[in-house]
């Protein structure tokens, strides 16, 4: 995996938030979370995928997930800031966050960040 240029603590904050969200979506201990990374040569991007076997997200909520203060977890203490802040951090690094989900079918979050180009290292 080629390196990315960025603040490791901020990227870690995003990854931890995605994993916590995935854990909170699991209805029971029999369900799993899968985390994978890869390099996309076509887009010269490092890719992180967090997939859960959780409750999923209603289609009408998918486009609002990164809106500040939007949450589907208000009753359990959610503030609606985690994904908004995470999206901002990834955009600061020139990347994007993508969501794919369906009720009862879990959620896949894909994070894409550009890798360092050779001319950036010299």
N, C-alpha and C. Protein backbone atom coordinates (compact mmCIF):
# COMPACT_ATOMS: atom_id res chain seq x y z
N UNK A 1 0.86 -1.17 0.00
CA UNK A 1 0.00 0.00 0.00
C UNK A 1 0.90 1.23 0.00
N UNK A 2 0.76 2.09 -0.99
CA UNK A 2 1.54 3.33 -0.99
C UNK A 2 1.10 4.23 0.17
N UNK A 3 2.00 5.11 0.63
CA UNK A 3 1.64 5.99 1.74
C UNK A 3 0.71 7.12 1.31
N UNK A 4 0.00 7.66 2.29
CA UNK A 4 -0.80 8.86 2.07
C UNK A 4 -0.15 9.99 2.85
N UNK A 5 -0.45 11.21 2.45
CA UNK A 5 0.06 12.38 3.15
C UNK A 5 -1.07 12.93 4.01
N UNK A 6 -0.85 12.99 5.32
CA UNK A 6 -1.91 13.49 6.17
C UNK A 6 -1.56 13.41 7.63
N UNK A 7 -2.52 13.80 8.44
CA UNK A 7 -2.38 13.80 9.89
C UNK A 7 -2.86 12.44 10.40
N UNK A 8 -1.94 11.64 10.91
CA UNK A 8 -2.29 10.28 11.32
C UNK A 8 -3.32 10.26 12.44
N UNK A 9 -3.27 11.22 13.35
CA UNK A 9 -4.25 11.25 14.45
C UNK A 9 -5.65 11.54 13.93
N UNK A 10 -5.77 12.42 12.94
CA UNK A 10 -7.08 12.75 12.38
C UNK A 10 -7.64 11.56 11.58
N UNK A 11 -6.76 10.89 10.83
CA UNK A 11 -7.20 9.70 10.08
C UNK A 11 -7.62 8.61 11.07
N UNK A 12 -6.86 8.44 12.13
CA UNK A 12 -7.21 7.46 13.17
C UNK A 12 -8.57 7.78 13.77
N UNK A 13 -8.86 9.05 14.01
CA UNK A 13 -10.15 9.47 14.55
C UNK A 13 -11.28 9.01 13.63
N UNK A 14 -11.10 9.14 12.33
CA UNK A 14 -12.11 8.71 11.36
C UNK A 14 -12.30 7.19 11.42
N UNK A 15 -11.19 6.46 11.39
CA UNK A 15 -11.26 5.00 11.39
C UNK A 15 -11.94 4.49 12.66
N UNK A 16 -11.57 5.04 13.80
CA UNK A 16 -12.20 4.63 15.07
C UNK A 16 -13.69 4.93 15.04
N UNK A 17 -14.07 6.10 14.53
CA UNK A 17 -15.48 6.45 14.45
C UNK A 17 -16.25 5.47 13.56
N UNK A 18 -15.68 5.10 12.43
CA UNK A 18 -16.35 4.15 11.54
C UNK A 18 -16.51 2.78 12.20
N UNK A 19 -15.49 2.34 12.91
CA UNK A 19 -15.58 1.05 13.60
C UNK A 19 -16.59 1.10 14.73
N UNK A 20 -16.61 2.17 15.50
CA UNK A 20 -17.60 2.31 16.58
C UNK A 20 -19.01 2.32 16.03
N UNK A 21 -19.23 3.05 14.94
CA UNK A 21 -20.56 3.06 14.32
C UNK A 21 -20.96 1.66 13.88
N UNK A 22 -20.02 0.93 13.30
CA UNK A 22 -20.31 -0.44 12.86
C UNK A 22 -20.66 -1.33 14.05
N UNK A 23 -19.91 -1.19 15.14
CA UNK A 23 -20.21 -1.98 16.35
C UNK A 23 -21.60 -1.66 16.89
N UNK A 24 -21.94 -0.39 16.91
CA UNK A 24 -23.24 0.02 17.44
C UNK A 24 -24.40 -0.44 16.56
N UNK A 25 -24.14 -0.73 15.30
CA UNK A 25 -25.19 -1.18 14.38
C UNK A 25 -25.50 -2.66 14.52
N UNK A 26 -24.62 -3.41 15.19
CA UNK A 26 -24.82 -4.85 15.30
C UNK A 26 -25.91 -5.17 16.32
N UNK A 27 -26.91 -5.94 15.93
CA UNK A 27 -28.01 -6.26 16.86
C UNK A 27 -27.64 -7.33 17.89
N UNK A 28 -26.61 -8.13 17.60
CA UNK A 28 -26.22 -9.18 18.54
C UNK A 28 -24.77 -9.58 18.28
N UNK A 29 -24.23 -10.39 19.18
CA UNK A 29 -22.83 -10.79 19.11
C UNK A 29 -22.54 -11.81 18.01
N UNK A 30 -23.56 -12.31 17.36
CA UNK A 30 -23.37 -13.28 16.27
C UNK A 30 -23.04 -12.60 14.94
N UNK A 31 -23.21 -11.31 14.88
CA UNK A 31 -22.95 -10.55 13.65
C UNK A 31 -21.51 -10.07 13.64
N UNK A 32 -21.00 -9.77 12.45
CA UNK A 32 -19.58 -9.44 12.31
C UNK A 32 -19.34 -8.08 11.66
N UNK A 33 -18.09 -7.65 11.78
CA UNK A 33 -17.58 -6.47 11.10
C UNK A 33 -16.34 -6.92 10.33
N UNK A 34 -16.21 -6.46 9.10
CA UNK A 34 -15.03 -6.77 8.29
C UNK A 34 -14.37 -5.45 7.89
N UNK A 35 -13.05 -5.42 8.02
CA UNK A 35 -12.29 -4.23 7.66
C UNK A 35 -11.24 -4.66 6.65
N UNK A 36 -11.14 -3.93 5.55
CA UNK A 36 -10.14 -4.27 4.53
C UNK A 36 -9.54 -3.00 3.95
N UNK A 37 -8.35 -3.16 3.38
CA UNK A 37 -7.69 -2.05 2.70
C UNK A 37 -7.21 -2.55 1.34
N UNK A 38 -7.05 -1.61 0.44
CA UNK A 38 -6.50 -1.94 -0.87
C UNK A 38 -6.00 -0.66 -1.53
N UNK A 39 -5.26 -0.83 -2.60
CA UNK A 39 -4.78 0.29 -3.39
C UNK A 39 -5.50 0.28 -4.72
N UNK A 40 -6.12 1.39 -5.08
CA UNK A 40 -6.78 1.53 -6.37
C UNK A 40 -5.83 2.26 -7.31
N UNK A 41 -5.21 1.52 -8.22
CA UNK A 41 -4.24 2.11 -9.15
C UNK A 41 -4.88 3.11 -10.10
N UNK A 42 -6.13 2.85 -10.48
CA UNK A 42 -6.82 3.72 -11.42
C UNK A 42 -6.98 5.13 -10.86
N UNK A 43 -7.35 5.23 -9.59
CA UNK A 43 -7.56 6.53 -8.97
C UNK A 43 -6.39 6.98 -8.11
N UNK A 44 -5.35 6.14 -8.01
CA UNK A 44 -4.18 6.40 -7.15
C UNK A 44 -4.64 6.74 -5.73
N UNK A 45 -5.51 5.87 -5.19
CA UNK A 45 -6.09 6.09 -3.88
C UNK A 45 -5.91 4.87 -2.97
N UNK A 46 -5.71 5.17 -1.69
CA UNK A 46 -5.75 4.15 -0.66
C UNK A 46 -7.22 4.00 -0.26
N UNK A 47 -7.68 2.78 -0.17
CA UNK A 47 -9.09 2.50 0.12
C UNK A 47 -9.19 1.73 1.43
N UNK A 48 -10.08 2.18 2.30
CA UNK A 48 -10.41 1.47 3.52
C UNK A 48 -11.90 1.17 3.47
N UNK A 49 -12.26 -0.08 3.71
CA UNK A 49 -13.67 -0.48 3.70
C UNK A 49 -14.02 -1.06 5.06
N UNK A 50 -15.09 -0.54 5.67
CA UNK A 50 -15.62 -1.07 6.92
C UNK A 50 -17.03 -1.56 6.60
N UNK A 51 -17.23 -2.87 6.72
CA UNK A 51 -18.52 -3.48 6.41
C UNK A 51 -19.06 -4.14 7.66
N UNK A 52 -20.33 -3.85 7.97
CA UNK A 52 -20.94 -4.50 9.13
C UNK A 52 -22.16 -5.30 8.70
N UNK A 53 -22.52 -6.25 9.55
CA UNK A 53 -23.71 -7.07 9.34
C UNK A 53 -24.82 -6.58 10.26
N UNK A 54 -24.92 -5.26 10.35
CA UNK A 54 -25.85 -4.63 11.27
C UNK A 54 -27.24 -4.42 10.70
N UNK A 55 -27.96 -3.51 11.33
CA UNK A 55 -29.36 -3.28 11.02
C UNK A 55 -29.57 -2.52 9.71
N UNK A 56 -28.53 -1.89 9.19
CA UNK A 56 -28.65 -1.14 7.94
C UNK A 56 -29.25 0.23 8.16
N UNK A 57 -29.34 0.97 7.08
CA UNK A 57 -29.80 2.36 7.11
C UNK A 57 -30.91 2.53 6.09
N UNK A 58 -31.94 3.23 6.49
CA UNK A 58 -33.07 3.50 5.59
C UNK A 58 -32.57 4.32 4.40
N UNK A 59 -33.07 4.03 3.19
CA UNK A 59 -32.60 4.73 1.98
C UNK A 59 -32.71 6.26 2.07
N UNK A 60 -33.77 6.74 2.68
CA UNK A 60 -33.95 8.20 2.77
C UNK A 60 -32.93 8.86 3.69
N UNK A 61 -32.25 8.09 4.52
CA UNK A 61 -31.25 8.66 5.43
C UNK A 61 -29.82 8.62 4.88
N UNK A 62 -29.57 7.84 3.85
CA UNK A 62 -28.20 7.68 3.33
C UNK A 62 -27.57 9.00 2.92
N UNK A 63 -28.31 9.84 2.23
CA UNK A 63 -27.74 11.10 1.75
C UNK A 63 -27.53 12.11 2.87
N UNK A 64 -28.07 11.86 4.04
CA UNK A 64 -27.97 12.81 5.16
C UNK A 64 -26.93 12.41 6.20
N UNK A 65 -26.27 11.28 6.03
CA UNK A 65 -25.39 10.74 7.07
C UNK A 65 -24.28 11.68 7.49
N UNK A 66 -23.78 12.51 6.60
CA UNK A 66 -22.70 13.43 6.96
C UNK A 66 -23.19 14.84 7.28
N UNK A 67 -24.50 15.02 7.31
CA UNK A 67 -25.05 16.33 7.70
C UNK A 67 -24.79 16.56 9.19
N UNK A 68 -24.31 17.75 9.56
CA UNK A 68 -24.10 18.03 10.99
C UNK A 68 -25.40 17.87 11.77
N UNK A 69 -25.31 17.19 12.90
CA UNK A 69 -26.40 16.97 13.85
C UNK A 69 -27.48 16.00 13.36
N UNK A 70 -27.29 15.37 12.20
CA UNK A 70 -28.23 14.33 11.79
C UNK A 70 -27.80 13.02 12.45
N UNK A 71 -28.73 12.37 13.12
CA UNK A 71 -28.44 11.08 13.75
C UNK A 71 -29.67 10.20 13.75
N UNK A 72 -29.43 8.92 13.66
CA UNK A 72 -30.51 7.93 13.82
C UNK A 72 -30.40 7.31 15.21
N UNK A 73 -29.45 7.82 16.02
CA UNK A 73 -29.19 7.24 17.35
C UNK A 73 -29.41 8.26 18.47
N UNK A 74 -30.31 9.20 18.28
CA UNK A 74 -30.54 10.24 19.28
C UNK A 74 -30.94 9.65 20.63
N UNK A 75 -31.80 8.61 20.61
CA UNK A 75 -32.28 8.00 21.86
C UNK A 75 -31.17 7.28 22.63
N UNK A 76 -30.09 6.93 21.94
CA UNK A 76 -28.98 6.27 22.63
C UNK A 76 -27.79 7.21 22.81
N UNK A 77 -28.01 8.50 22.65
CA UNK A 77 -26.96 9.47 22.94
C UNK A 77 -26.19 9.98 21.74
N UNK A 78 -26.59 9.62 20.53
CA UNK A 78 -25.89 10.12 19.35
C UNK A 78 -26.08 11.61 19.17
N UNK A 79 -25.02 12.29 18.73
CA UNK A 79 -25.09 13.74 18.52
C UNK A 79 -25.20 14.11 17.05
N UNK A 80 -24.87 13.18 16.17
CA UNK A 80 -24.91 13.49 14.75
C UNK A 80 -23.68 14.23 14.28
N UNK A 81 -22.61 14.19 15.03
CA UNK A 81 -21.39 14.89 14.64
C UNK A 81 -20.29 13.96 14.15
N UNK A 82 -20.31 12.70 14.51
CA UNK A 82 -19.23 11.78 14.18
C UNK A 82 -18.95 11.68 12.69
N UNK A 83 -19.96 11.39 11.90
CA UNK A 83 -19.75 11.25 10.46
C UNK A 83 -19.54 12.59 9.79
N UNK A 84 -20.14 13.64 10.32
CA UNK A 84 -19.92 14.98 9.77
C UNK A 84 -18.46 15.39 9.93
N UNK A 85 -17.93 15.21 11.14
CA UNK A 85 -16.52 15.52 11.40
C UNK A 85 -15.62 14.62 10.56
N UNK A 86 -15.94 13.34 10.51
CA UNK A 86 -15.14 12.39 9.73
C UNK A 86 -15.10 12.78 8.26
N UNK A 87 -16.24 13.15 7.71
CA UNK A 87 -16.31 13.56 6.31
C UNK A 87 -15.42 14.79 6.08
N UNK A 88 -15.47 15.74 7.00
CA UNK A 88 -14.63 16.94 6.89
C UNK A 88 -13.15 16.60 6.90
N UNK A 89 -12.75 15.70 7.78
CA UNK A 89 -11.34 15.29 7.87
C UNK A 89 -10.90 14.64 6.56
N UNK A 90 -11.71 13.74 6.04
CA UNK A 90 -11.34 13.05 4.81
C UNK A 90 -11.29 14.03 3.64
N UNK A 91 -12.20 14.97 3.58
CA UNK A 91 -12.15 15.99 2.52
C UNK A 91 -10.90 16.85 2.65
N UNK A 92 -10.47 17.16 3.88
CA UNK A 92 -9.23 17.91 4.09
C UNK A 92 -8.03 17.17 3.51
N UNK A 93 -8.12 15.85 3.46
CA UNK A 93 -7.04 15.02 2.93
C UNK A 93 -7.25 14.71 1.44
N UNK A 94 -8.22 15.37 0.82
CA UNK A 94 -8.48 15.18 -0.61
C UNK A 94 -9.26 13.92 -0.93
N UNK A 95 -9.89 13.33 0.09
CA UNK A 95 -10.59 12.06 -0.10
C UNK A 95 -12.10 12.18 -0.05
N UNK A 96 -12.74 11.01 -0.07
CA UNK A 96 -14.20 10.92 -0.04
C UNK A 96 -14.63 9.73 0.81
N UNK A 97 -15.84 9.83 1.35
CA UNK A 97 -16.47 8.72 2.06
C UNK A 97 -17.74 8.36 1.31
N UNK A 98 -17.93 7.06 1.07
CA UNK A 98 -19.11 6.55 0.38
C UNK A 98 -19.85 5.57 1.28
N UNK A 99 -21.18 5.58 1.22
CA UNK A 99 -22.00 4.70 2.04
C UNK A 99 -22.89 3.84 1.14
N UNK A 100 -23.00 2.57 1.49
CA UNK A 100 -23.92 1.66 0.81
C UNK A 100 -24.61 0.87 1.91
N UNK A 101 -25.94 0.87 1.89
CA UNK A 101 -26.67 0.19 2.96
C UNK A 101 -28.10 -0.08 2.54
N UNK A 102 -28.69 -1.01 3.24
CA UNK A 102 -30.11 -1.30 3.10
C UNK A 102 -30.60 -1.84 4.43
N UNK A 103 -31.83 -1.52 4.82
CA UNK A 103 -32.35 -2.02 6.09
C UNK A 103 -32.24 -3.54 6.18
N UNK A 104 -31.68 -4.02 7.27
CA UNK A 104 -31.53 -5.44 7.51
C UNK A 104 -30.35 -6.09 6.79
N UNK A 105 -29.65 -5.32 5.95
CA UNK A 105 -28.57 -5.90 5.14
C UNK A 105 -27.19 -5.35 5.50
N UNK A 106 -27.09 -4.60 6.57
CA UNK A 106 -25.80 -4.07 6.96
C UNK A 106 -25.40 -2.83 6.18
N UNK A 107 -24.21 -2.34 6.47
CA UNK A 107 -23.71 -1.11 5.86
C UNK A 107 -22.26 -1.30 5.46
N UNK A 108 -21.91 -0.73 4.32
CA UNK A 108 -20.52 -0.70 3.88
C UNK A 108 -20.11 0.75 3.72
N UNK A 109 -19.04 1.12 4.42
CA UNK A 109 -18.49 2.47 4.31
C UNK A 109 -17.13 2.34 3.63
N UNK A 110 -16.96 3.09 2.56
CA UNK A 110 -15.71 3.08 1.81
C UNK A 110 -15.07 4.45 1.90
N UNK A 111 -13.85 4.46 2.36
CA UNK A 111 -13.08 5.68 2.53
C UNK A 111 -11.97 5.65 1.48
N UNK A 112 -11.82 6.72 0.72
CA UNK A 112 -10.82 6.80 -0.34
C UNK A 112 -9.97 8.05 -0.12
N UNK A 113 -8.64 7.86 -0.06
CA UNK A 113 -7.71 8.98 0.14
C UNK A 113 -6.59 8.86 -0.89
N UNK A 114 -6.26 9.97 -1.58
CA UNK A 114 -5.18 9.91 -2.56
C UNK A 114 -3.85 9.54 -1.91
N UNK A 115 -3.05 8.75 -2.63
CA UNK A 115 -1.73 8.38 -2.14
C UNK A 115 -0.72 9.45 -2.56
N UNK A 116 0.45 9.39 -1.94
CA UNK A 116 1.51 10.33 -2.27
C UNK A 116 2.06 9.98 -3.65
N UNK A 117 2.15 10.98 -4.50
CA UNK A 117 2.73 10.78 -5.82
C UNK A 117 4.24 10.90 -5.71
N UNK A 118 4.98 10.28 -6.61
CA UNK A 118 6.43 10.27 -6.56
C UNK A 118 7.01 11.66 -6.46
N UNK A 119 6.45 12.64 -7.20
CA UNK A 119 7.00 13.99 -7.16
C UNK A 119 6.81 14.67 -5.81
N UNK A 120 5.88 14.16 -4.99
CA UNK A 120 5.67 14.72 -3.66
C UNK A 120 6.73 14.26 -2.68
N UNK A 121 7.46 13.20 -3.01
CA UNK A 121 8.46 12.65 -2.09
C UNK A 121 9.85 13.17 -2.37
N UNK A 122 10.04 13.87 -3.48
CA UNK A 122 11.38 14.37 -3.82
C UNK A 122 11.49 15.86 -3.63
